[in-house]
C-alpha atoms as a PDB file:
ATOM      1  CA  UNK A   1      82.079  75.159  28.782  1.00  0.00           C
ATOM      2  CA  UNK A   2      84.055  74.427  31.932  1.00  0.00           C
ATOM      3  CA  UNK A   3      86.855  71.952  32.096  1.00  0.00           C
ATOM      4  CA  UNK A   4      88.281  71.077  35.509  1.00  0.00           C
ATOM      5  CA  UNK A   5      91.882  70.081  36.114  1.00  0.00           C
ATOM      6  CA  UNK A   6      92.612  69.812  39.874  1.00  0.00           C
ATOM      7  CA  UNK A   7      92.541  73.369  41.309  1.00  0.00           C
ATOM      8  CA  UNK A   8      92.633  74.821  37.778  1.00  0.00           C
ATOM      9  CA  UNK A   9      89.342  75.451  35.976  1.00  0.00           C
ATOM     10  CA  UNK A  10      89.265  76.335  32.205  1.00  0.00           C
ATOM     11  CA  UNK A  11      86.496  78.370  30.727  1.00  0.00           C
ATOM     12  CA  UNK A  12      85.939  78.848  27.015  1.00  0.00           C
ATOM     13  CA  UNK A  13      83.693  81.786  26.299  1.00  0.00           C
ATOM     14  CA  UNK A  14      81.563  82.161  23.167  1.00  0.00           C
ATOM     15  CA  UNK A  15      84.203  84.310  21.602  1.00  0.00           C
ATOM     16  CA  UNK A  16      86.656  81.317  22.021  1.00  0.00           C
ATOM     17  CA  UNK A  17      88.836  83.327  24.427  1.00  0.00           C
ATOM     18  CA  UNK A  18      90.537  81.044  26.864  1.00  0.00           C
ATOM     19  CA  UNK A  19      90.196  81.841  30.564  1.00  0.00           C
ATOM     20  CA  UNK A  20      91.157  79.931  33.714  1.00  0.00           C
ATOM     21  CA  UNK A  21      90.756  80.271  37.331  1.00  0.00           C
ATOM     22  CA  UNK A  22      93.906  79.477  39.411  1.00  0.00           C
ATOM     23  CA  UNK A  23      93.825  79.903  43.131  1.00  0.00           C
ATOM     24  CA  UNK A  24      91.057  82.393  42.820  1.00  0.00           C
ATOM     25  CA  UNK A  25      92.821  84.407  40.202  1.00  0.00           C
ATOM     26  CA  UNK A  26      90.931  84.770  36.856  1.00  0.00           C
ATOM     27  CA  UNK A  27      93.600  84.284  34.123  1.00  0.00           C
ATOM     28  CA  UNK A  28      93.336  84.906  30.374  1.00  0.00           C
ATOM     29  CA  UNK A  29      95.716  83.521  27.713  1.00  0.00           C
ATOM     30  CA  UNK A  30      97.235  86.353  25.632  1.00  0.00           C
ATOM     31  CA  UNK A  31     100.317  86.113  23.373  1.00  0.00           C
ATOM     32  CA  UNK A  32     101.809  83.044  25.095  1.00  0.00           C
ATOM     33  CA  UNK A  33     101.220  84.295  28.642  1.00  0.00           C
ATOM     34  CA  UNK A  34      98.536  83.734  31.176  1.00  0.00           C
ATOM     35  CA  UNK A  35      97.610  87.127  32.685  1.00  0.00           C
ATOM     36  CA  UNK A  36      95.638  87.921  35.784  1.00  0.00           C
ATOM     37  CA  UNK A  37      95.456  90.178  38.822  1.00  0.00           C
ATOM     38  CA  UNK A  38      95.537  89.586  42.596  1.00  0.00           C
ATOM     39  CA  UNK A  39      94.559  91.871  45.434  1.00  0.00           C
ATOM     40  CA  UNK A  40      97.206  92.655  48.010  1.00  0.00           C
ATOM     41  CA  UNK A  41      97.461  95.098  50.903  1.00  0.00           C
ATOM     42  CA  UNK A  42      99.375  97.239  48.448  1.00  0.00           C
ATOM     43  CA  UNK A  43      96.624  97.245  45.865  1.00  0.00           C
ATOM     44  CA  UNK A  44      95.925  95.251  42.751  1.00  0.00           C
ATOM     45  CA  UNK A  45      99.088  93.507  41.342  1.00  0.00           C
ATOM     46  CA  UNK A  46      99.289  91.799  37.941  1.00  0.00           C
ATOM     47  CA  UNK A  47     100.315  88.133  37.750  1.00  0.00           C
ATOM     48  CA  UNK A  48     101.960  86.377  34.790  1.00  0.00           C
ATOM     49  CA  UNK A  49     102.460  82.737  34.079  1.00  0.00           C
ATOM     50  CA  UNK A  50     104.019  81.184  30.954  1.00  0.00           C
ATOM     51  CA  UNK A  51     102.393  78.119  29.398  1.00  0.00           C
ATOM     52  CA  UNK A  52     100.375  77.063  26.397  1.00  0.00           C
ATOM     53  CA  UNK A  53      96.756  77.459  25.440  1.00  0.00           C
ATOM     54  CA  UNK A  54      96.017  74.267  27.368  1.00  0.00           C
ATOM     55  CA  UNK A  55      97.003  76.026  30.616  1.00  0.00           C
ATOM     56  CA  UNK A  56      99.716  77.807  32.575  1.00  0.00           C
ATOM     57  CA  UNK A  57     102.891  75.995  33.440  1.00  0.00           C
ATOM     58  CA  UNK A  58     102.081  73.757  36.528  1.00  0.00           C
ATOM     59  CA  UNK A  59     105.534  74.273  38.132  1.00  0.00           C
ATOM     60  CA  UNK A  60     105.035  78.005  37.929  1.00  0.00           C
ATOM     61  CA  UNK A  61     101.566  77.687  39.480  1.00  0.00           C
ATOM     62  CA  UNK A  62     103.022  75.624  42.329  1.00  0.00           C
ATOM     63  CA  UNK A  63     105.780  78.272  42.851  1.00  0.00           C
ATOM     64  CA  UNK A  64     103.117  80.976  42.949  1.00  0.00           C
ATOM     65  CA  UNK A  65     100.992  78.930  45.452  1.00  0.00           C
ATOM     66  CA  UNK A  66     103.982  78.728  47.842  1.00  0.00           C
ATOM     67  CA  UNK A  67     104.621  82.464  47.480  1.00  0.00           C
ATOM     68  CA  UNK A  68     100.921  83.349  47.807  1.00  0.00           C
ATOM     69  CA  UNK A  69     100.505  81.456  51.125  1.00  0.00           C
ATOM     70  CA  UNK A  70     101.813  84.651  52.761  1.00  0.00           C
ATOM     71  CA  UNK A  71     101.436  87.002  49.821  1.00  0.00           C
ATOM     72  CA  UNK A  72     101.372  90.345  51.591  1.00  0.00           C
ATOM     73  CA  UNK A  73     104.324  89.359  53.852  1.00  0.00           C
ATOM     74  CA  UNK A  74     106.332  88.076  50.981  1.00  0.00           C
ATOM     75  CA  UNK A  75     105.807  91.168  48.826  1.00  0.00           C
ATOM     76  CA  UNK A  76     106.688  93.353  51.874  1.00  0.00           C
ATOM     77  CA  UNK A  77     109.853  91.293  52.483  1.00  0.00           C
ATOM     78  CA  UNK A  78     110.997  91.792  48.891  1.00  0.00           C
ATOM     79  CA  UNK A  79     110.107  95.474  48.962  1.00  0.00           C
ATOM     80  CA  UNK A  80     112.435  95.885  51.998  1.00  0.00           C
ATOM     81  CA  UNK A  81     115.350  94.836  49.768  1.00  0.00           C
ATOM     82  CA  UNK A  82     115.017  98.022  47.867  1.00  0.00           C
ATOM     83  CA  UNK A  83     116.730 101.224  49.098  1.00  0.00           C
ATOM     84  CA  UNK A  84     113.969 103.523  50.419  1.00  0.00           C
ATOM     85  CA  UNK A  85     111.485 100.724  49.814  1.00  0.00           C
ATOM     86  CA  UNK A  86     108.443 102.740  51.000  1.00  0.00           C
ATOM     87  CA  UNK A  87     108.741 104.761  47.719  1.00  0.00           C
ATOM     88  CA  UNK A  88     108.193 101.592  45.650  1.00  0.00           C
ATOM     89  CA  UNK A  89     104.818 100.037  44.839  1.00  0.00           C
ATOM     90  CA  UNK A  90     104.405  96.418  43.623  1.00  0.00           C
ATOM     91  CA  UNK A  91     102.850  96.274  40.144  1.00  0.00           C
ATOM     92  CA  UNK A  92     103.575  92.788  38.793  1.00  0.00           C
ATOM     93  CA  UNK A  93     104.301  89.209  39.966  1.00  0.00           C
ATOM     94  CA  UNK A  94     105.990  86.886  37.432  1.00  0.00           C
ATOM     95  CA  UNK A  95     107.643  83.447  37.658  1.00  0.00           C
ATOM     96  CA  UNK A  96     110.798  82.848  35.729  1.00  0.00           C
ATOM     97  CA  UNK A  97     111.918  79.676  33.939  1.00  0.00           C
ATOM     98  CA  UNK A  98     113.693  78.532  37.190  1.00  0.00           C
ATOM     99  CA  UNK A  99     110.282  78.811  38.920  1.00  0.00           C
ATOM    100  CA  UNK A 100     111.457  81.712  41.032  1.00  0.00           C
ATOM    101  CA  UNK A 101     108.853  84.269  41.885  1.00  0.00           C
ATOM    102  CA  UNK A 102     109.718  87.867  41.103  1.00  0.00           C
ATOM    103  CA  UNK A 103     107.890  91.119  42.014  1.00  0.00           C
ATOM    104  CA  UNK A 104     108.305  94.183  39.844  1.00  0.00           C
ATOM    105  CA  UNK A 105     108.040  97.567  41.610  1.00  0.00           C
ATOM    106  CA  UNK A 106     107.286 101.039  40.354  1.00  0.00           C
ATOM    107  CA  UNK A 107     108.694 104.176  42.008  1.00  0.00           C
ATOM    108  CA  UNK A 108     105.822 106.304  43.354  1.00  0.00           C
ATOM    109  CA  UNK A 109     107.685 109.532  42.574  1.00  0.00           C
ATOM    110  CA  UNK A 110     109.327 108.956  39.246  1.00  0.00           C
ATOM    111  CA  UNK A 111     107.188 106.165  37.717  1.00  0.00           C
ATOM    112  CA  UNK A 112     110.356 104.122  37.114  1.00  0.00           C
ATOM    113  CA  UNK A 113     109.508 100.429  36.793  1.00  0.00           C
ATOM    114  CA  UNK A 114     113.091  99.204  36.864  1.00  0.00           C
ATOM    115  CA  UNK A 115     113.066  97.156  40.059  1.00  0.00           C
ATOM    116  CA  UNK A 116     112.412  93.413  39.727  1.00  0.00           C
ATOM    117  CA  UNK A 117     113.240  91.593  42.979  1.00  0.00           C
ATOM    118  CA  UNK A 118     113.456  87.736  42.836  1.00  0.00           C
ATOM    119  CA  UNK A 119     112.471  85.581  45.759  1.00  0.00           C
ATOM    120  CA  UNK A 120     115.122  83.107  47.038  1.00  0.00           C
ATOM    121  CA  UNK A 121     115.332  79.876  45.083  1.00  0.00           C
ATOM    122  CA  UNK A 122     113.052  77.169  46.423  1.00  0.00           C
ATOM    123  CA  UNK A 123     114.949  74.620  48.619  1.00  0.00           C
ATOM    124  CA  UNK A 124     114.224  71.688  46.289  1.00  0.00           C
ATOM    125  CA  UNK A 125     115.278  73.356  43.086  1.00  0.00           C
ATOM    126  CA  UNK A 126     118.611  72.685  41.313  1.00  0.00           C
ATOM    127  CA  UNK A 127     119.665  76.281  41.619  1.00  0.00           C
ATOM    128  CA  UNK A 128     119.419  76.036  45.461  1.00  0.00           C
ATOM    129  CA  UNK A 129     121.768  73.014  45.575  1.00  0.00           C
ATOM    130  CA  UNK A 130     124.629  74.824  43.741  1.00  0.00           C
ATOM    131  CA  UNK A 131     127.327  75.976  46.072  1.00  0.00           C
ATOM    132  CA  UNK A 132     128.520  79.524  45.539  1.00  0.00           C
END
């Protein structure tokens, strides 16, 4: 069965597993998160959205869409923020509760996955209007 909701398509398989297609990414619902993978010039990168069984959080999907317009360039820009960035490989894209996109990187030499770099807050978000 296929249920369409704008650019988001929901598929219920015979095993009652819930899957969706968002912007060409096949997502599956698992433990409160929507999980998928996207291809970048750096390789395959996991993508996470929060949401309910009905679908991923629409604000997070919109934040991802803005980020994904120039996916490779945005990932490369965030990677440059890490000291010796060429040693770090992107492994995961996640959107936080403020709808900021973050990319997690793994060190190619040590396997350390400790670097999560957040994109700047969107211009129209409340966090962007706070003076620091």
